């Protein structure tokens, strides 16, 4: 059967951000296509740590904390719906998240940050654990840690199973997924758009740019600014171990299958998504400091991947002023915000009202004369 050439909406990019939006769009009844690149494309989903994380976000921009909190609260029903529709379990659990603190100074600074957020948004609750309280929760934690900060709002999921479920749910809902159709050009034409790809050209009434680092190239074609740069993260994965960690942390996360992910690095390395010995050594040091038993675990995989970052770290969700119907979505928290992208962002793109909580997330904030959120 031949692929249609006309759609209501075309989404450029088939990663976690693009697929969550596309899944939400097909639920609105729209005819939607996702144009994706090939396996050589830079994909942030490959390097995602799998956190659904709220704790500490929004220090200088409260709507970012509220946007993340709302998505975290939606994630349970979002995961259930995806599994019901596809049979694929996204692997979501929300036991609360723990930020481990090596020193008393780190613990005190973290507590001050979380308290300031809690004072402005009651839903951003937290607890402080000294070392004894931490080890009652996680006996494998090191006695050398100063303590930890806990938030019930945090959880984790499998990025790859989530992405697989989104792909299947999107296509079962009538969406058309087009791999090896990297978008090379978007041409505005009389209130519509021609989306030119390596596999052909498609006509659409609306277009969503969710192509990660590719948005920098595509955005100006429809009057949109994409102030983004790559930020490399490196991750190591151990062999499967007996269960010892029921809570996600920023540096160590045990998956349902038993393997342990080690990470939380951030480097300005341009478009190099490789791995380096010094960063891997630092990741290993922090993991051993937190959980001494990991010193004997074998590393079975390691990789680097490029995150998509704006100058202030906040998302961008914007419709073109010069070419209405063209939208851009830039976000480095593809797992955390997946539920919000599907349930809240997609209805706006489909023609609904812009959600008030995302009002600050426009590129006008980067102009010195505009007062907005900054981090």
Protein backbone atom coordinates (compact mmCIF):
# COMPACT_ATOMS: atom_id res chain seq x y z
CA UNK A 1 0.00 0.00 0.00
CA UNK A 2 1.41 3.40 -0.99
CA UNK A 3 2.10 6.07 1.63
CA UNK A 4 -0.31 9.04 1.60
CA UNK A 5 1.28 12.32 0.57
CA UNK A 6 -1.09 14.63 2.45
CA UNK A 7 -1.54 14.82 6.23
CA UNK A 8 -3.15 17.08 8.78
CA UNK A 9 0.08 17.21 10.80
CA UNK A 10 3.65 16.08 10.11
CA UNK A 11 6.07 15.64 13.01
CA UNK A 12 9.77 15.91 12.21
CA UNK A 13 11.60 13.58 14.59
CA UNK A 14 10.75 10.16 16.00
CA UNK A 15 12.48 10.31 19.38
CA UNK A 16 10.81 10.48 22.77
CA UNK A 17 9.67 14.09 22.33
CA UNK A 18 8.38 13.68 18.79
CA UNK A 19 6.65 10.36 19.42
CA UNK A 20 4.93 11.51 22.62
CA UNK A 21 3.53 14.54 20.77
CA UNK A 22 2.57 12.40 17.77
CA UNK A 23 0.81 9.88 20.01
CA UNK A 24 -1.20 12.68 21.57
CA UNK A 25 -2.06 14.06 18.14
CA UNK A 26 -3.46 10.80 16.73
CA UNK A 27 -5.72 10.56 19.77
CA UNK A 28 -7.28 13.84 18.62
CA UNK A 29 -8.33 12.17 15.37
CA UNK A 30 -5.80 13.97 13.17
CA UNK A 31 -4.05 12.29 10.25
CA UNK A 32 -0.44 12.35 11.45
CA UNK A 33 2.88 11.30 9.97
CA UNK A 34 6.23 11.11 11.75
CA UNK A 35 9.25 11.63 9.52
CA UNK A 36 12.33 10.16 11.16
CA UNK A 37 15.99 9.81 10.28
CA UNK A 38 18.05 6.65 10.06
CA UNK A 39 20.06 4.82 12.70
CA UNK A 40 23.09 7.07 12.20
CA UNK A 41 21.22 10.13 13.54
CA UNK A 42 22.12 11.62 16.91
CA UNK A 43 19.43 10.35 19.27
CA UNK A 44 19.10 11.59 22.83
CA UNK A 45 16.80 8.63 23.60
CA UNK A 46 19.80 6.32 23.35
CA UNK A 47 21.51 8.06 26.24
CA UNK A 48 18.53 8.74 28.43
CA UNK A 49 18.95 7.67 32.05
CA UNK A 50 15.25 6.90 32.39
CA UNK A 51 14.37 9.29 35.20
CA UNK A 52 10.95 10.83 35.71
CA UNK A 53 12.43 13.59 37.82
CA UNK A 54 10.94 16.67 39.49
CA UNK A 55 13.19 17.24 42.52
CA UNK A 56 15.19 20.46 42.32
CA UNK A 57 13.81 21.65 38.98
CA UNK A 58 12.54 25.18 38.56
CA UNK A 59 14.80 26.99 41.01
CA UNK A 60 14.54 30.22 39.00
CA UNK A 61 11.50 29.36 36.91
CA UNK A 62 8.70 27.84 38.95
CA UNK A 63 6.57 26.91 35.89
CA UNK A 64 9.29 24.43 34.90
CA UNK A 65 8.88 22.67 38.25
CA UNK A 66 5.09 22.75 37.86
CA UNK A 67 5.29 21.45 34.27
CA UNK A 68 7.54 18.58 35.41
CA UNK A 69 5.36 17.85 38.45
CA UNK A 70 2.21 17.71 36.35
CA UNK A 71 3.82 15.27 33.94
CA UNK A 72 5.09 13.07 36.77
CA UNK A 73 1.60 12.92 38.22
CA UNK A 74 0.19 11.89 34.83
CA UNK A 75 2.81 9.21 34.21
CA UNK A 76 1.01 6.39 36.01
CA UNK A 77 -2.13 6.56 33.89
CA UNK A 78 -0.01 7.32 30.81
CA UNK A 79 1.97 4.10 31.30
CA UNK A 80 -1.18 2.06 31.96
CA UNK A 81 -2.79 3.34 28.78
CA UNK A 82 0.28 2.60 26.67
CA UNK A 83 0.49 -0.94 28.02
CA UNK A 84 -3.24 -1.51 27.53
CA UNK A 85 -3.03 -0.36 23.90
CA UNK A 86 0.20 -2.12 22.94
CA UNK A 87 1.04 -4.82 25.47
CA UNK A 88 4.41 -3.10 26.00
CA UNK A 89 5.18 -2.18 29.60
CA UNK A 90 7.07 1.17 29.78
CA UNK A 91 8.55 -0.01 33.09
CA UNK A 92 7.31 2.94 35.12
CA UNK A 93 7.62 3.03 38.91
CA UNK A 94 7.20 6.04 41.18
CA UNK A 95 8.67 5.12 44.56
CA UNK A 96 10.11 8.61 44.99
CA UNK A 97 13.60 9.69 44.07
CA UNK A 98 16.72 10.14 46.17
CA UNK A 99 19.52 12.62 45.62
CA UNK A 100 22.61 11.34 47.38
CA UNK A 101 24.85 13.89 49.11
CA UNK A 102 28.52 13.14 49.76
CA UNK A 103 29.08 16.13 52.08
CA UNK A 104 27.12 18.05 54.70
CA UNK A 105 27.48 21.19 52.58
CA UNK A 106 25.78 19.46 49.62
CA UNK A 107 22.96 18.27 51.87
CA UNK A 108 22.42 21.74 53.34
CA UNK A 109 22.46 23.47 49.95
CA UNK A 110 20.04 20.91 48.51
CA UNK A 111 17.68 21.31 51.44
CA UNK A 112 17.64 25.11 51.04
CA UNK A 113 16.79 24.77 47.35
CA UNK A 114 13.98 22.29 47.93
CA UNK A 115 12.55 24.36 50.78
CA UNK A 116 12.46 27.48 48.61
CA UNK A 117 10.57 25.55 45.94
CA UNK A 118 8.18 24.04 48.48
CA UNK A 119 7.37 27.49 49.84
CA UNK A 120 6.24 28.55 46.34
CA UNK A 121 4.52 25.29 45.33
CA UNK A 122 3.13 23.03 48.06
CA UNK A 123 3.17 20.02 45.77
CA UNK A 124 6.96 20.08 45.69
CA UNK A 125 7.36 18.29 49.00
CA UNK A 126 10.56 16.68 50.17
CA UNK A 127 12.26 14.96 53.10
CA UNK A 128 15.82 15.08 54.40
CA UNK A 129 17.54 11.83 55.42
CA UNK A 130 20.66 11.69 57.53
CA UNK A 131 22.93 8.73 56.87
CA UNK A 132 21.13 6.46 59.32
CA UNK A 133 17.72 7.20 57.81
CA UNK A 134 19.12 6.73 54.30
CA UNK A 135 20.60 3.33 55.17
CA UNK A 136 17.32 2.20 56.68
CA UNK A 137 15.78 2.82 53.26
CA UNK A 138 18.77 1.58 51.26
CA UNK A 139 21.01 -0.72 53.34
CA UNK A 140 23.61 -0.85 50.54
CA UNK A 141 24.26 2.91 50.76
CA UNK A 142 27.67 3.92 52.05
CA UNK A 143 28.16 4.96 55.66
CA UNK A 144 30.42 7.73 54.31
CA UNK A 145 27.53 9.65 52.70
CA UNK A 146 26.31 12.71 54.57
CA UNK A 147 22.70 11.86 53.76
CA UNK A 148 20.13 12.32 51.02
CA UNK A 149 17.13 14.31 49.84
CA UNK A 150 13.91 12.46 49.02
CA UNK A 151 10.94 13.51 46.89
CA UNK A 152 7.85 11.38 46.44
CA UNK A 153 7.29 13.06 43.06
CA UNK A 154 10.14 11.23 41.34
CA UNK A 155 10.20 7.91 39.55
CA UNK A 156 11.80 6.11 36.62
CA UNK A 157 10.91 4.21 33.46
CA UNK A 158 12.61 2.34 30.64
CA UNK A 159 13.37 4.85 27.86
CA UNK A 160 13.56 2.17 25.18
CA UNK A 161 10.35 0.36 26.20
CA UNK A 162 8.59 3.73 26.48
CA UNK A 163 9.73 4.68 22.99
CA UNK A 164 8.68 1.27 21.63
CA UNK A 165 5.25 1.60 23.24
CA UNK A 166 4.80 5.10 21.81
CA UNK A 167 5.70 3.90 18.32
CA UNK A 168 3.24 1.02 18.49
CA UNK A 169 0.42 3.07 20.02
CA UNK A 170 0.91 5.79 17.43
CA UNK A 171 0.68 3.37 14.53
CA UNK A 172 -2.22 1.42 16.05
CA UNK A 173 -4.02 4.76 16.32
CA UNK A 174 -3.67 5.32 12.58
CA UNK A 175 -0.42 7.28 12.53
CA UNK A 176 2.10 6.78 9.74
CA UNK A 177 5.71 6.30 10.80
CA UNK A 178 8.30 6.97 8.10
CA UNK A 179 11.85 5.88 9.02
CA UNK A 180 14.72 6.92 6.74
CA UNK A 181 12.74 10.05 5.90
CA UNK A 182 15.06 12.68 7.37
CA UNK A 183 13.47 16.12 6.92
CA UNK A 184 15.74 18.26 4.75
CA UNK A 185 13.47 21.25 4.14
CA UNK A 186 10.15 22.74 5.23
CA UNK A 187 8.55 25.05 2.62
CA UNK A 188 5.65 27.30 3.68
CA UNK A 189 3.08 27.52 0.90
CA UNK A 190 -0.26 29.39 1.02
CA UNK A 191 -1.08 28.51 4.62
CA UNK A 192 0.23 24.98 4.28
CA UNK A 193 3.65 23.34 4.27
CA UNK A 194 5.63 21.08 2.01
CA UNK A 195 7.84 18.83 4.13
CA UNK A 196 10.74 17.66 2.00
CA UNK A 197 12.41 14.45 3.15
CA UNK A 198 15.03 12.05 1.86
CA UNK A 199 12.14 9.73 0.95
CA UNK A 200 9.76 12.18 -0.70
CA UNK A 201 7.71 15.33 -0.12
CA UNK A 202 4.56 15.56 1.99
CA UNK A 203 1.92 18.26 2.20
CA UNK A 204 0.52 19.18 5.61
CA UNK A 205 -1.57 21.79 7.33
CA UNK A 206 0.65 21.81 10.42
CA UNK A 207 4.23 20.80 11.07
CA UNK A 208 5.95 20.07 14.38
CA UNK A 209 9.71 20.36 14.60
CA UNK A 210 10.82 17.83 17.23
CA UNK A 211 14.04 16.84 15.52
CA UNK A 212 16.39 17.49 18.42
CA UNK A 213 19.61 19.06 17.25
CA UNK A 214 18.15 19.15 13.74
CA UNK A 215 15.76 21.88 14.87
CA UNK A 216 18.60 24.41 14.61
CA UNK A 217 18.61 23.87 10.85
CA UNK A 218 14.86 23.48 10.31
CA UNK A 219 13.50 26.21 12.58
CA UNK A 220 14.56 29.26 10.52
CA UNK A 221 12.78 27.80 7.46
CA UNK A 222 9.46 28.58 9.16
CA UNK A 223 10.47 31.66 11.13
CA UNK A 224 11.39 29.85 14.34
CA UNK A 225 14.55 30.25 16.40
CA UNK A 226 16.17 27.13 17.85
CA UNK A 227 18.91 28.21 20.29
CA UNK A 228 20.29 24.77 21.06
CA UNK A 229 23.63 23.08 21.51
CA UNK A 230 24.72 19.49 22.20
CA UNK A 231 25.67 18.39 25.71
CA UNK A 232 27.25 14.95 25.92
CA UNK A 233 26.32 12.50 28.63
CA UNK A 234 28.08 9.17 29.23
CA UNK A 235 26.52 6.08 30.76
CA UNK A 236 27.83 2.72 31.92
CA UNK A 237 25.74 -0.38 32.58
CA UNK A 238 26.72 -3.24 34.86
CA UNK A 239 25.91 -6.90 34.74
CA UNK A 240 22.63 -7.94 36.35
CA UNK A 241 22.82 -7.81 40.15
CA UNK A 242 20.54 -8.94 42.94
CA UNK A 243 18.02 -6.20 43.83
CA UNK A 244 19.58 -3.60 46.15
CA UNK A 245 18.17 -0.24 45.01
CA UNK A 246 14.42 0.38 45.04
CA UNK A 247 14.72 4.12 44.40
CA UNK A 248 16.09 6.03 41.41
CA UNK A 249 18.98 8.38 42.11
CA UNK A 250 20.72 10.88 39.84
CA UNK A 251 23.91 8.80 39.61
CA UNK A 252 22.84 5.16 40.03
CA UNK A 253 19.64 3.44 38.90
CA UNK A 254 18.84 -0.27 39.01
CA UNK A 255 16.52 -1.43 36.26
CA UNK A 256 13.76 -4.00 36.66
CA UNK A 257 15.97 -6.49 34.87
CA UNK A 258 18.70 -6.09 37.50
CA UNK A 259 21.36 -4.22 35.56
CA UNK A 260 22.59 -0.96 37.06
CA UNK A 261 22.93 2.28 35.12
CA UNK A 262 25.70 4.67 36.16
CA UNK A 263 25.85 8.20 34.82
CA UNK A 264 25.11 11.90 35.36
CA UNK A 265 27.92 13.45 33.34
CA UNK A 266 27.65 16.62 31.26
CA UNK A 267 30.28 17.79 28.76
CA UNK A 268 30.50 20.41 26.04
CA UNK A 269 32.03 18.11 23.44
CA UNK A 270 30.44 19.42 20.26
CA UNK A 271 28.98 16.65 18.15
CA UNK A 272 31.27 13.95 19.53
CA UNK A 273 29.05 11.31 21.13
CA UNK A 274 31.90 9.01 22.11
CA UNK A 275 33.16 7.96 25.53
CA UNK A 276 36.25 9.07 27.44
CA UNK A 277 38.30 7.34 30.09
CA UNK A 278 38.41 10.26 32.54
CA UNK A 279 34.63 10.76 32.61
CA UNK A 280 34.00 7.05 32.96
CA UNK A 281 36.45 6.94 35.85
CA UNK A 282 34.65 9.79 37.62
CA UNK A 283 31.26 8.12 37.10
CA UNK A 284 32.67 4.90 38.57
CA UNK A 285 34.17 6.77 41.53
CA UNK A 286 30.87 8.42 42.45
CA UNK A 287 28.98 5.15 42.07
CA UNK A 288 31.44 3.33 44.36
CA UNK A 289 31.33 6.17 46.87
CA UNK A 290 27.54 5.84 47.05
CA UNK A 291 27.40 2.04 46.95
CA UNK A 292 30.70 0.29 47.82
CA UNK A 293 29.34 -3.08 46.64
CA UNK A 294 29.49 -1.80 43.05
CA UNK A 295 33.29 -1.91 43.16
CA UNK A 296 33.03 -5.61 42.25
CA UNK A 297 30.38 -5.26 39.51
CA UNK A 298 31.38 -5.86 35.90
CA UNK A 299 30.66 -3.16 33.33
CA UNK A 300 29.05 -4.75 30.27
CA UNK A 301 28.11 -1.69 28.17
CA UNK A 302 29.07 1.96 27.91
CA UNK A 303 28.05 4.73 25.56
CA UNK A 304 27.83 8.46 25.03
CA UNK A 305 24.88 10.43 23.67
CA UNK A 306 24.05 14.05 22.96
CA UNK A 307 21.39 15.88 24.93
CA UNK A 308 19.68 18.93 23.47
CA UNK A 309 20.20 22.03 25.61
CA UNK A 310 18.98 25.60 25.38
CA UNK A 311 21.12 28.39 26.90
CA UNK A 312 19.11 28.30 30.16
CA UNK A 313 18.22 24.61 30.19
CA UNK A 314 14.47 25.22 29.89
CA UNK A 315 12.24 23.85 27.13
CA UNK A 316 10.97 25.78 24.12
CA UNK A 317 7.41 25.31 22.84
CA UNK A 318 6.45 27.86 20.24
CA UNK A 319 4.25 28.46 17.21
CA UNK A 320 5.68 30.52 14.38
CA UNK A 321 4.39 34.10 14.24
CA UNK A 322 5.23 34.40 10.56
CA UNK A 323 4.04 30.94 9.50
CA UNK A 324 1.13 29.87 11.78
CA UNK A 325 0.76 26.13 11.95
CA UNK A 326 4.49 25.55 12.33
CA UNK A 327 5.52 24.53 15.86
CA UNK A 328 8.81 23.77 17.55
CA UNK A 329 9.44 21.58 20.60
CA UNK A 330 12.84 21.58 22.29
CA UNK A 331 13.32 19.60 25.48
CA UNK A 332 16.07 17.57 27.16
CA UNK A 333 13.70 15.78 29.61
CA UNK A 334 12.04 13.48 27.12
CA UNK A 335 11.10 10.79 29.64
CA UNK A 336 9.97 13.08 32.47
CA UNK A 337 7.80 15.19 30.17
CA UNK A 338 6.47 12.43 27.90
CA UNK A 339 3.08 12.33 29.61
CA UNK A 340 2.72 16.12 29.49
CA UNK A 341 3.74 16.21 25.84
CA UNK A 342 1.08 13.65 24.92
CA UNK A 343 -1.72 14.84 27.19
CA UNK A 344 -1.23 18.60 27.37
CA UNK A 345 1.06 19.83 24.59
CA UNK A 346 -0.48 17.82 21.73
CA UNK A 347 -4.02 19.23 22.19
CA UNK A 348 -2.60 22.76 21.84
CA UNK A 349 -0.78 21.81 18.62
CA UNK A 350 -3.97 20.21 17.33
CA UNK A 351 -5.78 23.55 17.66
CA UNK A 352 -6.58 24.01 21.35
CA UNK A 353 -5.55 26.77 23.74
CA UNK A 354 -1.92 27.15 24.72
CA UNK A 355 -1.47 25.75 28.27
CA UNK A 356 -0.79 28.56 30.72
CA UNK A 357 2.01 26.63 32.45
CA UNK A 358 4.19 26.72 29.31
CA UNK A 359 3.82 30.47 28.70
CA UNK A 360 7.44 31.22 29.75
CA UNK A 361 8.90 28.62 27.37
CA UNK A 362 9.34 30.83 24.33
CA UNK A 363 12.52 32.13 22.70
CA UNK A 364 11.65 35.76 23.51
CA UNK A 365 13.17 35.07 26.95
CA UNK A 366 16.62 35.09 25.36
CA UNK A 367 16.24 38.74 24.34
CA UNK A 368 17.72 41.06 27.01
CA UNK A 369 14.71 43.39 26.93
CA UNK A 370 12.26 40.60 27.80
CA UNK A 371 11.73 39.62 31.44
CA UNK A 372 11.03 35.91 31.79
CA UNK A 373 12.31 32.81 33.52
CA UNK A 374 16.04 32.28 33.71
CA UNK A 375 18.07 29.55 35.37
